[in-house]
Amino acid sequence: MIDPRVLLAALALSTATGCTYSIHQVHTTDYLTEVPRGRSREISAEATQDVILYLTTSTAYVDQAYERLLAQCPNGEIVGIHGRHSTAHSFLSFTNKLVLHGLCVE
């Protein structure tokens, strides 16, 4: 027979160290009705923000992802931007993540 204290300790440990994941927002911008063949390509960028005990030193992760996306299409227009903001939760910490996808039309 399993000691109830051991079972309770195992349950508490698994609950305290459990992880969850949530998607907060998914957003899509405008698309061109006709994309010139051979003059467009898919691009993507991402950035993360680590938060421990609700404290962080990085607050510009959204700007970083956007700048990385712009850098991949310096001479064109980015259309159809698809952005996904999500969070991965851990014990006393979490990580915010922004992933951007787009179409670079040159």
N, C-alpha and C. Protein backbone atom coordinates (compact mmCIF):
# COMPACT_ATOMS: atom_id res chain seq x y z
N MET A 1 0.85 -1.18 0.00
CA MET A 1 0.00 0.00 0.00
C MET A 1 0.89 1.24 0.00
N ILE A 2 0.52 2.21 -0.80
CA ILE A 2 1.28 3.46 -0.90
C ILE A 2 0.90 4.38 0.24
N ASP A 3 1.92 4.93 0.87
CA ASP A 3 1.70 5.86 1.97
C ASP A 3 1.01 7.11 1.43
N PRO A 4 -0.09 7.57 2.02
CA PRO A 4 -0.80 8.76 1.54
C PRO A 4 0.08 10.01 1.51
N ARG A 5 1.03 10.11 2.39
CA ARG A 5 1.92 11.27 2.40
C ARG A 5 2.81 11.30 1.16
N VAL A 6 3.26 10.12 0.73
CA VAL A 6 4.08 10.04 -0.47
C VAL A 6 3.23 10.40 -1.69
N LEU A 7 2.00 9.90 -1.75
CA LEU A 7 1.10 10.22 -2.84
C LEU A 7 0.79 11.72 -2.89
N LEU A 8 0.54 12.31 -1.72
CA LEU A 8 0.27 13.74 -1.65
C LEU A 8 1.49 14.56 -2.06
N ALA A 9 2.68 14.14 -1.65
CA ALA A 9 3.90 14.85 -2.03
C ALA A 9 4.14 14.76 -3.53
N ALA A 10 3.90 13.59 -4.12
CA ALA A 10 4.07 13.44 -5.57
C ALA A 10 3.07 14.29 -6.33
N LEU A 11 1.84 14.36 -5.85
CA LEU A 11 0.82 15.18 -6.49
C LEU A 11 1.17 16.67 -6.41
N ALA A 12 1.63 17.11 -5.24
CA ALA A 12 2.02 18.51 -5.06
C ALA A 12 3.21 18.86 -5.94
N LEU A 13 4.18 17.96 -6.04
CA LEU A 13 5.36 18.21 -6.86
C LEU A 13 4.99 18.30 -8.34
N SER A 14 4.14 17.41 -8.80
CA SER A 14 3.75 17.44 -10.21
C SER A 14 2.91 18.67 -10.53
N THR A 15 2.11 19.13 -9.59
CA THR A 15 1.31 20.33 -9.80
C THR A 15 2.18 21.58 -9.80
N ALA A 16 3.15 21.65 -8.91
CA ALA A 16 4.00 22.84 -8.78
C ALA A 16 4.96 22.99 -9.96
N THR A 17 5.33 21.88 -10.57
CA THR A 17 6.30 21.97 -11.67
C THR A 17 5.64 21.80 -13.03
N GLY A 18 4.35 21.75 -13.08
CA GLY A 18 3.64 21.58 -14.36
C GLY A 18 3.78 22.80 -15.23
N CYS A 19 3.70 22.58 -16.51
CA CYS A 19 3.83 23.67 -17.48
C CYS A 19 2.54 23.78 -18.29
N THR A 20 2.24 25.00 -18.70
CA THR A 20 1.10 25.23 -19.57
C THR A 20 1.54 26.11 -20.72
N TYR A 21 0.69 26.19 -21.72
CA TYR A 21 1.00 26.97 -22.91
C TYR A 21 -0.30 27.61 -23.38
N SER A 22 -0.24 28.88 -23.70
CA SER A 22 -1.46 29.54 -24.18
C SER A 22 -1.13 30.48 -25.34
N ILE A 23 -2.05 30.53 -26.29
CA ILE A 23 -1.95 31.48 -27.40
C ILE A 23 -2.89 32.62 -27.09
N HIS A 24 -2.37 33.84 -27.06
CA HIS A 24 -3.16 35.00 -26.69
C HIS A 24 -3.84 35.64 -27.88
N GLN A 25 -3.08 35.86 -28.95
CA GLN A 25 -3.62 36.56 -30.11
C GLN A 25 -3.04 35.97 -31.38
N VAL A 26 -3.86 35.94 -32.41
CA VAL A 26 -3.42 35.65 -33.76
C VAL A 26 -4.01 36.74 -34.63
N HIS A 27 -3.16 37.44 -35.36
CA HIS A 27 -3.61 38.58 -36.14
C HIS A 27 -3.06 38.47 -37.56
N THR A 28 -3.86 38.85 -38.53
CA THR A 28 -3.45 38.83 -39.93
C THR A 28 -3.77 40.18 -40.56
N THR A 29 -2.81 40.72 -41.31
CA THR A 29 -3.03 41.99 -42.01
C THR A 29 -3.56 41.73 -43.41
N ASP A 30 -3.57 42.77 -44.22
CA ASP A 30 -4.09 42.68 -45.58
C ASP A 30 -3.22 41.81 -46.48
N TYR A 31 -3.85 41.28 -47.51
CA TYR A 31 -3.16 40.51 -48.54
C TYR A 31 -3.39 41.17 -49.88
N LEU A 32 -2.46 41.00 -50.78
CA LEU A 32 -2.67 41.45 -52.16
C LEU A 32 -3.59 40.46 -52.86
N THR A 33 -4.45 40.95 -53.73
CA THR A 33 -5.32 40.04 -54.47
C THR A 33 -4.53 39.28 -55.53
N GLU A 34 -3.51 39.91 -56.09
CA GLU A 34 -2.65 39.24 -57.07
C GLU A 34 -1.20 39.47 -56.67
N VAL A 35 -0.49 38.39 -56.41
CA VAL A 35 0.92 38.48 -56.05
C VAL A 35 1.74 38.16 -57.29
N PRO A 36 2.67 39.06 -57.67
CA PRO A 36 3.48 38.80 -58.86
C PRO A 36 4.30 37.52 -58.70
N ARG A 37 4.18 36.62 -59.67
CA ARG A 37 4.87 35.34 -59.61
C ARG A 37 6.38 35.54 -59.75
N GLY A 38 7.14 34.91 -58.88
CA GLY A 38 8.59 35.01 -58.94
C GLY A 38 9.16 36.25 -58.27
N ARG A 39 8.31 37.17 -57.85
CA ARG A 39 8.79 38.39 -57.21
C ARG A 39 8.40 38.44 -55.74
N SER A 40 7.96 37.33 -55.18
CA SER A 40 7.57 37.30 -53.77
C SER A 40 8.18 36.08 -53.09
N ARG A 41 8.39 36.22 -51.80
CA ARG A 41 8.93 35.11 -51.01
C ARG A 41 8.43 35.24 -49.58
N GLU A 42 8.34 34.11 -48.92
CA GLU A 42 7.89 34.09 -47.53
C GLU A 42 9.05 34.44 -46.61
N ILE A 43 8.76 35.22 -45.59
CA ILE A 43 9.75 35.59 -44.58
C ILE A 43 9.13 35.40 -43.20
N SER A 44 9.98 35.22 -42.19
CA SER A 44 9.47 35.07 -40.83
C SER A 44 10.53 35.53 -39.84
N ALA A 45 10.05 35.92 -38.67
CA ALA A 45 10.93 36.37 -37.59
C ALA A 45 10.26 36.07 -36.26
N GLU A 46 11.06 35.91 -35.23
CA GLU A 46 10.49 35.69 -33.91
C GLU A 46 11.39 36.30 -32.84
N ALA A 47 10.79 36.55 -31.70
CA ALA A 47 11.53 37.07 -30.54
C ALA A 47 10.82 36.60 -29.29
N THR A 48 11.59 36.48 -28.21
CA THR A 48 11.03 36.01 -26.94
C THR A 48 11.38 36.95 -25.81
N GLN A 49 10.61 36.83 -24.75
CA GLN A 49 10.84 37.60 -23.52
C GLN A 49 10.74 36.63 -22.35
N ASP A 50 11.83 36.48 -21.59
CA ASP A 50 11.82 35.62 -20.41
C ASP A 50 11.43 36.43 -19.19
N VAL A 51 10.49 35.91 -18.40
CA VAL A 51 10.00 36.59 -17.21
C VAL A 51 10.12 35.64 -16.03
N ILE A 52 10.79 36.09 -14.97
CA ILE A 52 10.96 35.30 -13.76
C ILE A 52 10.37 36.09 -12.60
N LEU A 53 9.43 35.49 -11.90
CA LEU A 53 8.74 36.14 -10.78
C LEU A 53 8.13 37.48 -11.21
N TYR A 54 7.61 37.53 -12.41
CA TYR A 54 6.99 38.72 -13.01
C TYR A 54 7.97 39.88 -13.18
N LEU A 55 9.26 39.61 -13.24
CA LEU A 55 10.28 40.62 -13.48
C LEU A 55 11.02 40.28 -14.76
N THR A 56 11.31 41.30 -15.57
CA THR A 56 12.04 41.09 -16.81
C THR A 56 12.92 42.29 -17.11
N THR A 57 13.95 42.05 -17.89
CA THR A 57 14.81 43.15 -18.33
C THR A 57 14.59 43.45 -19.81
N SER A 58 13.86 42.59 -20.50
CA SER A 58 13.64 42.74 -21.93
C SER A 58 12.18 43.10 -22.19
N THR A 59 11.94 44.33 -22.59
CA THR A 59 10.57 44.75 -22.87
C THR A 59 10.36 45.11 -24.34
N ALA A 60 11.39 45.00 -25.16
CA ALA A 60 11.29 45.41 -26.56
C ALA A 60 11.27 44.21 -27.50
N TYR A 61 10.79 43.06 -27.05
CA TYR A 61 10.84 41.88 -27.90
C TYR A 61 9.91 41.98 -29.10
N VAL A 62 8.82 42.71 -29.00
CA VAL A 62 7.93 42.91 -30.15
C VAL A 62 8.63 43.76 -31.21
N ASP A 63 9.29 44.82 -30.78
CA ASP A 63 10.04 45.66 -31.72
C ASP A 63 11.17 44.87 -32.38
N GLN A 64 11.83 43.99 -31.63
CA GLN A 64 12.91 43.18 -32.18
C GLN A 64 12.40 42.25 -33.27
N ALA A 65 11.26 41.61 -33.05
CA ALA A 65 10.70 40.71 -34.06
C ALA A 65 10.32 41.50 -35.31
N TYR A 66 9.73 42.66 -35.14
CA TYR A 66 9.33 43.49 -36.28
C TYR A 66 10.54 43.96 -37.07
N GLU A 67 11.59 44.38 -36.38
CA GLU A 67 12.82 44.82 -37.06
C GLU A 67 13.47 43.68 -37.82
N ARG A 68 13.45 42.47 -37.25
CA ARG A 68 14.00 41.31 -37.94
C ARG A 68 13.20 40.98 -39.20
N LEU A 69 11.90 41.16 -39.14
CA LEU A 69 11.06 40.92 -40.32
C LEU A 69 11.36 41.97 -41.39
N LEU A 70 11.45 43.24 -41.00
CA LEU A 70 11.76 44.31 -41.96
C LEU A 70 13.13 44.12 -42.62
N ALA A 71 14.09 43.63 -41.86
CA ALA A 71 15.45 43.45 -42.38
C ALA A 71 15.50 42.40 -43.49
N GLN A 72 14.54 41.50 -43.54
CA GLN A 72 14.52 40.45 -44.55
C GLN A 72 13.92 40.92 -45.88
N CYS A 73 13.35 42.12 -45.89
CA CYS A 73 12.72 42.65 -47.10
C CYS A 73 13.07 44.14 -47.26
N PRO A 74 14.36 44.46 -47.45
CA PRO A 74 14.76 45.86 -47.46
C PRO A 74 14.29 46.64 -48.69
N ASN A 75 14.09 45.97 -49.82
CA ASN A 75 13.73 46.69 -51.05
C ASN A 75 12.33 46.37 -51.54
N GLY A 76 11.51 45.84 -50.68
CA GLY A 76 10.18 45.46 -51.11
C GLY A 76 9.11 45.89 -50.12
N GLU A 77 7.93 45.33 -50.33
CA GLU A 77 6.79 45.62 -49.47
C GLU A 77 6.37 44.32 -48.79
N ILE A 78 6.13 44.38 -47.49
CA ILE A 78 5.70 43.21 -46.75
C ILE A 78 4.18 43.23 -46.65
N VAL A 79 3.54 42.19 -47.13
CA VAL A 79 2.08 42.09 -47.07
C VAL A 79 1.70 40.77 -46.39
N GLY A 80 0.48 40.71 -45.95
CA GLY A 80 -0.03 39.48 -45.35
C GLY A 80 0.71 39.07 -44.10
N ILE A 81 1.00 40.03 -43.24
CA ILE A 81 1.72 39.70 -42.01
C ILE A 81 0.78 38.93 -41.08
N HIS A 82 1.27 37.81 -40.61
CA HIS A 82 0.52 36.96 -39.69
C HIS A 82 1.33 36.91 -38.39
N GLY A 83 0.75 37.38 -37.31
CA GLY A 83 1.45 37.41 -36.03
C GLY A 83 0.78 36.53 -35.00
N ARG A 84 1.59 35.83 -34.21
CA ARG A 84 1.05 34.97 -33.15
C ARG A 84 1.79 35.27 -31.84
N HIS A 85 1.06 35.69 -30.83
CA HIS A 85 1.61 35.99 -29.52
C HIS A 85 1.19 34.86 -28.57
N SER A 86 2.17 34.22 -27.95
CA SER A 86 1.88 33.11 -27.06
C SER A 86 2.77 33.17 -25.82
N THR A 87 2.40 32.36 -24.83
CA THR A 87 3.16 32.29 -23.58
C THR A 87 3.32 30.85 -23.16
N ALA A 88 4.52 30.49 -22.76
CA ALA A 88 4.81 29.18 -22.19
C ALA A 88 5.09 29.39 -20.71
N HIS A 89 4.27 28.77 -19.85
CA HIS A 89 4.38 28.94 -18.40
C HIS A 89 5.20 27.82 -17.79
N SER A 90 6.06 28.17 -16.86
CA SER A 90 6.83 27.20 -16.08
C SER A 90 6.67 27.56 -14.61
N PHE A 91 7.39 26.89 -13.76
CA PHE A 91 7.31 27.14 -12.33
C PHE A 91 7.94 28.50 -12.01
N LEU A 92 7.13 29.46 -11.55
CA LEU A 92 7.55 30.81 -11.17
C LEU A 92 8.16 31.63 -12.31
N SER A 93 7.96 31.19 -13.54
CA SER A 93 8.47 31.94 -14.67
C SER A 93 7.62 31.63 -15.90
N PHE A 94 7.79 32.47 -16.92
CA PHE A 94 7.13 32.21 -18.19
C PHE A 94 7.89 32.90 -19.30
N THR A 95 7.62 32.48 -20.53
CA THR A 95 8.29 33.04 -21.69
C THR A 95 7.23 33.50 -22.69
N ASN A 96 7.25 34.79 -23.00
CA ASN A 96 6.38 35.35 -24.04
C ASN A 96 7.09 35.18 -25.37
N LYS A 97 6.34 34.82 -26.40
CA LYS A 97 6.93 34.62 -27.72
C LYS A 97 6.05 35.26 -28.79
N LEU A 98 6.70 35.97 -29.71
CA LEU A 98 6.00 36.57 -30.83
C LEU A 98 6.62 36.00 -32.11
N VAL A 99 5.78 35.44 -32.96
CA VAL A 99 6.22 34.90 -34.25
C VAL A 99 5.50 35.67 -35.35
N LEU A 100 6.25 36.23 -36.29
CA LEU A 100 5.69 36.98 -37.41
C LEU A 100 6.04 36.28 -38.71
N HIS A 101 5.05 36.13 -39.58
CA HIS A 101 5.26 35.59 -40.93
C HIS A 101 4.70 36.62 -41.90
N GLY A 102 5.32 36.74 -43.04
CA GLY A 102 4.84 37.67 -44.04
C GLY A 102 5.28 37.27 -45.42
N LEU A 103 4.85 38.04 -46.39
CA LEU A 103 5.21 37.82 -47.78
C LEU A 103 5.91 39.08 -48.27
N CYS A 104 7.16 38.92 -48.72
CA CYS A 104 7.94 40.05 -49.23
C CYS A 104 7.75 40.12 -50.74
N VAL A 105 7.17 41.21 -51.21
CA VAL A 105 6.93 41.42 -52.64
C VAL A 105 7.92 42.48 -53.11
N GLU A 106 8.80 42.10 -54.05
CA GLU A 106 9.82 43.02 -54.54
C GLU A 106 9.53 43.45 -55.95
